[in-house]
Amino acid sequence: MLVESIHPISLPRAAAIWRIARFILAIAVLVTLGVSLFLPGKDYRHFAFLADAFAHRTYTVNHLPADYADKVIWENQTYLPLAPLPAILLLPLTATFGFAFDELWLAYLFTGANVLGAWLLLKRLRVPREFRWTLLALFFCGTIYLADWSTGRSWWLAHILATTFLLLAIDETLTRRRAWLIGAWLGLAFLSRAPTIFATPFFVWLLKPADQSWREWRWLISTGTQLALGFALPALFFFDYNYARFGSPFETGYRYAHLATLTLAAALQQGMFSPVHLAKNLYALLLAAPLAYPSFPAPVLQFPYVFPSPWGMSIFLTTPAFIYIFAANWRERIVRAAWLAVGLVLLPLVLYYGVGWYQFGYRYALDLYPFLFVLTALGIKTMTRARWLIVASIAINVWGAWWQMLGFRALPPELFR
């Protein structure tokens, strides 16, 4: 009798725990995003100032606040080295509301588009319908995208827009395969985050007809020409934008940017792109962990005892579910192409002098997250075990989002030198 009374309760216990965990995390995510909307938008709003400059037919942002990082003083004028597309999209909004318009609203708008794009991507990949909502929760709430979304201004806004246009390019590649349109989407991603251009071979590989060999150059020339035609307008604007500011189509201004910390300035002295930066970037990407609070040499640790390193953390610590990227079937062409994209986009990032700053996780890796998402979605064959890694990923990133919104303001100042 005792066994009979326990058995019906014990069988659904895992399912009940799963429902409770989902409910708690859903509330936590909604509260996080709700709070982000009501926090003062006083942090960085680079693109709102640049959009206001565009509205006045100039590229100078001389009215930028004095404490803003990532600005360039060139010939007594102030410029931004950041890619310009977010400012272009903000232009009608700042023209209406002024340069004080909060960029966060644009981040929310394009995140909505990204949710739709990610859903369609999962559908194109033939991911079972019952998995899709869970995978969407993973991408938008269980990765550093959540901290990016809840902060949503300046550098973080650029990553959100780059994600939008990469998802559009991937969707076109898996459906109608119009190379000129894929090139245009890639161009817009490039105008948001320049490293995304290194993902181009992913699209070329998937556009290759199954009956064509790599040795047959005619299809490659045709595809390459169409991609280039689509990419041409964004590229021409990019080169003209650089030339108008710095007298060179290839000079973005990053090498002359005002940096927020002495550490970054010292790193730049070693070269903007150099193999000497490889070890630090790979450490931030793969190994970096939370730090003790207030510091490990302190006599005792204080609440909250640990906090995210503002210089970045491992993508596998911030999103444990990414372990499934290694389970994706290598024999599938899209899997091999996605791994190629991950490697190529990482190349300029790990050679770059900076690792990002004032961030949760390794922010630059967001440029390759759409391809990691493809690999993860294809690597998860059952949700029985994966869902608990997804729960852990969401819980970690809710914590990270709060730190990025609020917590870093209370960190020891020596971390930001």
Foldseek 3Di string as FASTA:
>chain_A
DVCVVCVVVVVCPVVVVLVVLVVVLVVLLVVLLVVLVPDPLPDDAVLLLQLLQVVVVHQFSQVPDPQDFQWFQDPNTIHHLAQHLLNVVCNVVCVPVNSVPRQLVVLVVLVVLLLVLQLLVLVLVVQDPVCRVLLSCCLCQLALVSLLNSSRHDLSVLLSLLSNLVSVLVSCLSPVLQLLQSLLSQLRSCSSPVLLVLLVQLSLLSSDDPPDDPVPCPVVVVSVVSSCNSNVVSLVVQQVSCCVVPVGSPDSRSLRIGHQFPLLVVLCVVPQFAPVQQVVQCCQAAPADWAAVLHPPDPDGDPVGTDAQQQAHYRCQLQVLLVLLVQADPVDSSNVSLVSSLVRSCNRQSRGSGQHGLGYHRVSSSSSVVSSSVSSSRSDPDVPPSSVSSSVSSVSSSRRSCCSVPVVVPHDPVSRD
